[in-house]
Amino acid sequence: MSRRATTDQEWFFYIVRCRDDSLYSGITNDLDGRLREHNRGTGAEYTFGRRPVTLVYSEKYLNVSEARKREVQIKGWSRNKKEQLIKGFLRSNILHKKIATNY
């Protein structure tokens, strides 16, 4: 997977929950591929011994710079604040799925 910063790619900020319930966040231009890497043990050193990981949050950006800014911002947050962000994201996704299946 190429992680070279180009201006014509979508970038993602993401948070995964590790097997030990810790959180890991990062950015990528290939979210599915990056999750596979984490779960194969070829992703970040942090997640290597904490597999499997589960995606619990993501945001899409138009460039690497904006994704990196968000990563730095959220990495500075407390665990509790990150959990609140994740909780709102999961609740929102469940609501969207319910609405979509009712049509």
N, C-alpha and C. Protein backbone atom coordinates (compact mmCIF):
# COMPACT_ATOMS: atom_id res chain seq x y z
N MET A 1 0.84 -1.18 0.00
CA MET A 1 0.00 0.00 0.00
C MET A 1 0.88 1.24 0.00
N SER A 2 0.56 2.20 -0.83
CA SER A 2 1.33 3.44 -0.89
C SER A 2 0.74 4.47 0.06
N ARG A 3 1.59 5.04 0.87
CA ARG A 3 1.13 6.10 1.77
C ARG A 3 1.76 7.43 1.39
N ARG A 4 2.25 7.54 0.16
CA ARG A 4 2.83 8.81 -0.27
C ARG A 4 1.75 9.87 -0.28
N ALA A 5 2.12 11.04 0.18
CA ALA A 5 1.17 12.14 0.26
C ALA A 5 0.97 12.76 -1.12
N THR A 6 -0.21 12.57 -1.66
CA THR A 6 -0.55 13.22 -2.92
C THR A 6 -1.81 14.03 -2.70
N THR A 7 -1.99 15.04 -3.52
CA THR A 7 -3.12 15.93 -3.33
C THR A 7 -4.41 15.40 -3.92
N ASP A 8 -4.34 14.37 -4.76
CA ASP A 8 -5.54 13.88 -5.42
C ASP A 8 -6.10 12.61 -4.77
N GLN A 9 -5.72 12.35 -3.53
CA GLN A 9 -6.20 11.15 -2.84
C GLN A 9 -7.04 11.53 -1.64
N GLU A 10 -7.96 10.66 -1.31
CA GLU A 10 -8.67 10.80 -0.05
C GLU A 10 -7.79 10.21 1.05
N TRP A 11 -7.81 10.85 2.19
CA TRP A 11 -7.07 10.37 3.35
C TRP A 11 -8.03 10.17 4.49
N PHE A 12 -7.69 9.27 5.37
CA PHE A 12 -8.55 8.94 6.51
C PHE A 12 -7.77 9.07 7.81
N PHE A 13 -8.43 9.65 8.79
CA PHE A 13 -7.98 9.56 10.16
C PHE A 13 -8.81 8.42 10.75
N TYR A 14 -8.18 7.55 11.53
CA TYR A 14 -8.93 6.41 12.07
C TYR A 14 -8.49 6.08 13.49
N ILE A 15 -9.38 5.42 14.20
CA ILE A 15 -9.08 4.88 15.52
C ILE A 15 -9.48 3.42 15.52
N VAL A 16 -8.59 2.57 16.01
CA VAL A 16 -8.91 1.16 16.20
C VAL A 16 -8.86 0.83 17.68
N ARG A 17 -9.68 -0.14 18.07
CA ARG A 17 -9.64 -0.67 19.43
C ARG A 17 -8.88 -1.99 19.37
N CYS A 18 -7.87 -2.09 20.21
CA CYS A 18 -7.03 -3.28 20.25
C CYS A 18 -7.63 -4.34 21.16
N ARG A 19 -7.09 -5.54 21.07
CA ARG A 19 -7.57 -6.67 21.88
C ARG A 19 -7.54 -6.35 23.38
N ASP A 20 -6.55 -5.57 23.81
CA ASP A 20 -6.43 -5.22 25.23
C ASP A 20 -7.26 -3.99 25.60
N ASP A 21 -8.14 -3.55 24.71
CA ASP A 21 -9.05 -2.42 24.88
C ASP A 21 -8.35 -1.06 24.78
N SER A 22 -7.08 -1.05 24.41
CA SER A 22 -6.40 0.22 24.19
C SER A 22 -6.82 0.76 22.82
N LEU A 23 -6.58 2.04 22.60
CA LEU A 23 -6.92 2.69 21.35
C LEU A 23 -5.65 3.08 20.61
N TYR A 24 -5.68 2.92 19.30
CA TYR A 24 -4.58 3.34 18.44
C TYR A 24 -5.18 4.19 17.34
N SER A 25 -4.53 5.31 17.02
CA SER A 25 -5.03 6.15 15.94
C SER A 25 -3.93 6.43 14.94
N GLY A 26 -4.35 6.69 13.71
CA GLY A 26 -3.40 6.98 12.65
C GLY A 26 -4.10 7.55 11.43
N ILE A 27 -3.35 7.73 10.36
CA ILE A 27 -3.91 8.19 9.09
C ILE A 27 -3.46 7.24 7.99
N THR A 28 -4.24 7.19 6.94
CA THR A 28 -3.92 6.34 5.80
C THR A 28 -4.71 6.82 4.58
N ASN A 29 -4.26 6.41 3.41
CA ASN A 29 -5.04 6.67 2.19
C ASN A 29 -5.72 5.40 1.70
N ASP A 30 -5.63 4.33 2.49
CA ASP A 30 -6.27 3.06 2.17
C ASP A 30 -6.72 2.42 3.48
N LEU A 31 -7.91 2.76 3.92
CA LEU A 31 -8.38 2.34 5.23
C LEU A 31 -8.48 0.82 5.35
N ASP A 32 -9.09 0.17 4.38
CA ASP A 32 -9.23 -1.29 4.43
C ASP A 32 -7.86 -1.98 4.44
N GLY A 33 -6.97 -1.50 3.60
CA GLY A 33 -5.63 -2.07 3.54
C GLY A 33 -4.86 -1.87 4.84
N ARG A 34 -5.01 -0.73 5.43
CA ARG A 34 -4.30 -0.45 6.68
C ARG A 34 -4.83 -1.35 7.80
N LEU A 35 -6.13 -1.56 7.85
CA LEU A 35 -6.70 -2.46 8.86
C LEU A 35 -6.17 -3.89 8.67
N ARG A 36 -6.07 -4.33 7.41
CA ARG A 36 -5.51 -5.65 7.14
C ARG A 36 -4.06 -5.72 7.64
N GLU A 37 -3.29 -4.66 7.39
CA GLU A 37 -1.91 -4.63 7.86
C GLU A 37 -1.83 -4.74 9.38
N HIS A 38 -2.65 -3.96 10.06
CA HIS A 38 -2.65 -4.04 11.53
C HIS A 38 -2.95 -5.46 11.99
N ASN A 39 -3.93 -6.09 11.39
CA ASN A 39 -4.35 -7.41 11.83
C ASN A 39 -3.43 -8.54 11.38
N ARG A 40 -2.61 -8.29 10.37
CA ARG A 40 -1.59 -9.26 9.96
C ARG A 40 -0.32 -9.11 10.78
N GLY A 41 -0.21 -8.00 11.50
CA GLY A 41 1.00 -7.75 12.28
C GLY A 41 2.04 -6.96 11.51
N THR A 42 1.68 -6.43 10.35
CA THR A 42 2.62 -5.64 9.55
C THR A 42 2.29 -4.16 9.60
N GLY A 43 1.36 -3.78 10.48
CA GLY A 43 1.02 -2.37 10.66
C GLY A 43 1.97 -1.74 11.67
N ALA A 44 1.44 -0.98 12.57
CA ALA A 44 2.25 -0.29 13.57
C ALA A 44 2.80 -1.25 14.61
N GLU A 45 3.97 -0.92 15.13
CA GLU A 45 4.58 -1.73 16.18
C GLU A 45 3.65 -1.83 17.39
N TYR A 46 2.95 -0.73 17.70
CA TYR A 46 2.05 -0.72 18.86
C TYR A 46 0.98 -1.81 18.77
N THR A 47 0.41 -1.98 17.59
CA THR A 47 -0.70 -2.92 17.45
C THR A 47 -0.24 -4.37 17.25
N PHE A 48 1.04 -4.59 17.00
CA PHE A 48 1.53 -5.92 16.69
C PHE A 48 1.12 -6.95 17.74
N GLY A 49 1.35 -6.68 18.99
CA GLY A 49 1.01 -7.63 20.05
C GLY A 49 -0.37 -7.44 20.64
N ARG A 50 -1.16 -6.59 20.01
CA ARG A 50 -2.49 -6.28 20.53
C ARG A 50 -3.59 -6.65 19.54
N ARG A 51 -3.27 -7.55 18.62
CA ARG A 51 -4.23 -7.97 17.60
C ARG A 51 -5.22 -8.97 18.18
N PRO A 52 -6.39 -9.05 17.61
CA PRO A 52 -6.88 -8.27 16.47
C PRO A 52 -7.30 -6.86 16.90
N VAL A 53 -7.35 -5.98 15.90
CA VAL A 53 -7.86 -4.63 16.12
C VAL A 53 -9.17 -4.48 15.37
N THR A 54 -10.01 -3.59 15.88
CA THR A 54 -11.32 -3.34 15.27
C THR A 54 -11.47 -1.85 15.01
N LEU A 55 -11.88 -1.48 13.82
CA LEU A 55 -12.11 -0.08 13.50
C LEU A 55 -13.30 0.42 14.30
N VAL A 56 -13.11 1.52 15.04
CA VAL A 56 -14.21 2.08 15.83
C VAL A 56 -14.52 3.52 15.44
N TYR A 57 -13.67 4.13 14.60
CA TYR A 57 -13.91 5.52 14.22
C TYR A 57 -13.10 5.85 12.98
N SER A 58 -13.67 6.64 12.08
CA SER A 58 -12.91 7.16 10.94
C SER A 58 -13.53 8.44 10.42
N GLU A 59 -12.69 9.24 9.83
CA GLU A 59 -13.10 10.47 9.16
C GLU A 59 -12.34 10.54 7.84
N LYS A 60 -12.99 11.08 6.81
CA LYS A 60 -12.38 11.20 5.49
C LYS A 60 -11.95 12.65 5.25
N TYR A 61 -10.77 12.81 4.66
CA TYR A 61 -10.23 14.13 4.34
C TYR A 61 -9.77 14.17 2.89
N LEU A 62 -9.71 15.37 2.33
CA LEU A 62 -9.32 15.53 0.94
C LEU A 62 -7.81 15.54 0.74
N ASN A 63 -7.05 15.69 1.84
CA ASN A 63 -5.59 15.69 1.71
C ASN A 63 -4.93 15.23 3.00
N VAL A 64 -3.67 14.86 2.87
CA VAL A 64 -2.92 14.32 4.01
C VAL A 64 -2.73 15.36 5.10
N SER A 65 -2.60 16.61 4.72
CA SER A 65 -2.36 17.66 5.71
C SER A 65 -3.53 17.78 6.70
N GLU A 66 -4.74 17.78 6.18
CA GLU A 66 -5.91 17.89 7.06
C GLU A 66 -6.07 16.65 7.94
N ALA A 67 -5.81 15.49 7.37
CA ALA A 67 -5.89 14.25 8.16
C ALA A 67 -4.85 14.26 9.28
N ARG A 68 -3.65 14.72 8.98
CA ARG A 68 -2.57 14.77 9.98
C ARG A 68 -2.92 15.77 11.10
N LYS A 69 -3.50 16.91 10.74
CA LYS A 69 -3.92 17.89 11.75
C LYS A 69 -4.92 17.27 12.72
N ARG A 70 -5.87 16.53 12.18
CA ARG A 70 -6.88 15.89 13.03
C ARG A 70 -6.24 14.82 13.92
N GLU A 71 -5.31 14.07 13.36
CA GLU A 71 -4.61 13.05 14.14
C GLU A 71 -3.89 13.69 15.33
N VAL A 72 -3.17 14.75 15.10
CA VAL A 72 -2.44 15.43 16.17
C VAL A 72 -3.42 15.96 17.22
N GLN A 73 -4.52 16.53 16.76
CA GLN A 73 -5.52 17.06 17.69
C GLN A 73 -6.06 15.96 18.61
N ILE A 74 -6.50 14.87 18.02
CA ILE A 74 -7.16 13.82 18.81
C ILE A 74 -6.16 13.04 19.66
N LYS A 75 -4.94 12.88 19.19
CA LYS A 75 -3.93 12.19 20.01
C LYS A 75 -3.66 12.96 21.29
N GLY A 76 -3.95 14.26 21.31
CA GLY A 76 -3.78 15.07 22.51
C GLY A 76 -4.95 14.98 23.48
N TRP A 77 -6.01 14.31 23.08
CA TRP A 77 -7.20 14.20 23.93
C TRP A 77 -7.02 13.11 24.98
N SER A 78 -7.83 13.23 26.02
CA SER A 78 -7.88 12.18 27.04
C SER A 78 -8.58 10.94 26.47
N ARG A 79 -8.37 9.83 27.13
CA ARG A 79 -9.05 8.59 26.73
C ARG A 79 -10.57 8.79 26.78
N ASN A 80 -11.06 9.43 27.83
CA ASN A 80 -12.50 9.64 27.98
C ASN A 80 -13.07 10.46 26.81
N LYS A 81 -12.38 11.49 26.42
CA LYS A 81 -12.87 12.32 25.30
C LYS A 81 -12.89 11.51 24.00
N LYS A 82 -11.87 10.68 23.80
CA LYS A 82 -11.85 9.81 22.60
C LYS A 82 -13.02 8.82 22.64
N GLU A 83 -13.29 8.27 23.81
CA GLU A 83 -14.41 7.32 23.93
C GLU A 83 -15.75 7.99 23.63
N GLN A 84 -15.91 9.24 24.03
CA GLN A 84 -17.14 9.97 23.73
C GLN A 84 -17.29 10.19 22.22
N LEU A 85 -16.18 10.51 21.56
CA LEU A 85 -16.19 10.67 20.10
C LEU A 85 -16.60 9.36 19.43
N ILE A 86 -16.02 8.27 19.88
CA ILE A 86 -16.33 6.95 19.32
C ILE A 86 -17.79 6.59 19.57
N LYS A 87 -18.26 6.83 20.77
CA LYS A 87 -19.65 6.51 21.12
C LYS A 87 -20.63 7.26 20.21
N GLY A 88 -20.38 8.54 19.99
CA GLY A 88 -21.24 9.32 19.10
C GLY A 88 -21.19 8.83 17.67
N PHE A 89 -20.02 8.43 17.22
CA PHE A 89 -19.83 7.91 15.86
C PHE A 89 -20.59 6.61 15.68
N LEU A 90 -20.45 5.69 16.63
CA LEU A 90 -21.13 4.40 16.53
C LEU A 90 -22.64 4.58 16.59
N ARG A 91 -23.10 5.45 17.46
CA ARG A 91 -24.54 5.72 17.57
C ARG A 91 -25.07 6.29 16.27
N SER A 92 -24.34 7.21 15.67
CA SER A 92 -24.73 7.82 14.40
C SER A 92 -24.80 6.79 13.28
N ASN A 93 -23.83 5.89 13.22
CA ASN A 93 -23.83 4.86 12.18
C ASN A 93 -24.99 3.89 12.36
N ILE A 94 -25.31 3.54 13.56
CA ILE A 94 -26.46 2.65 13.82
C ILE A 94 -27.75 3.32 13.37
N LEU A 95 -27.90 4.61 13.69
CA LEU A 95 -29.09 5.36 13.29
C LEU A 95 -29.20 5.41 11.77
N HIS A 96 -28.11 5.69 11.08
CA HIS A 96 -28.14 5.75 9.62
C HIS A 96 -28.51 4.40 9.02
N LYS A 97 -28.03 3.33 9.59
CA LYS A 97 -28.36 1.99 9.08
C LYS A 97 -29.84 1.68 9.29
N LYS A 98 -30.38 2.08 10.44
CA LYS A 98 -31.80 1.85 10.70
C LYS A 98 -32.66 2.63 9.72
N ILE A 99 -32.31 3.88 9.46
CA ILE A 99 -33.07 4.69 8.53
C ILE A 99 -33.01 4.09 7.14
N ALA A 100 -31.82 3.65 6.73
CA ALA A 100 -31.65 3.09 5.38
C ALA A 100 -32.45 1.82 5.20
N THR A 101 -32.58 1.00 6.24
CA THR A 101 -33.30 -0.26 6.09
C THR A 101 -34.81 -0.07 6.17
N ASN A 102 -35.25 1.08 6.62
CA ASN A 102 -36.69 1.36 6.70
C ASN A 102 -37.26 1.88 5.39
N TYR A 103 -36.41 2.08 4.39
CA TYR A 103 -36.91 2.57 3.09
C TYR A 103 -36.92 1.50 2.05
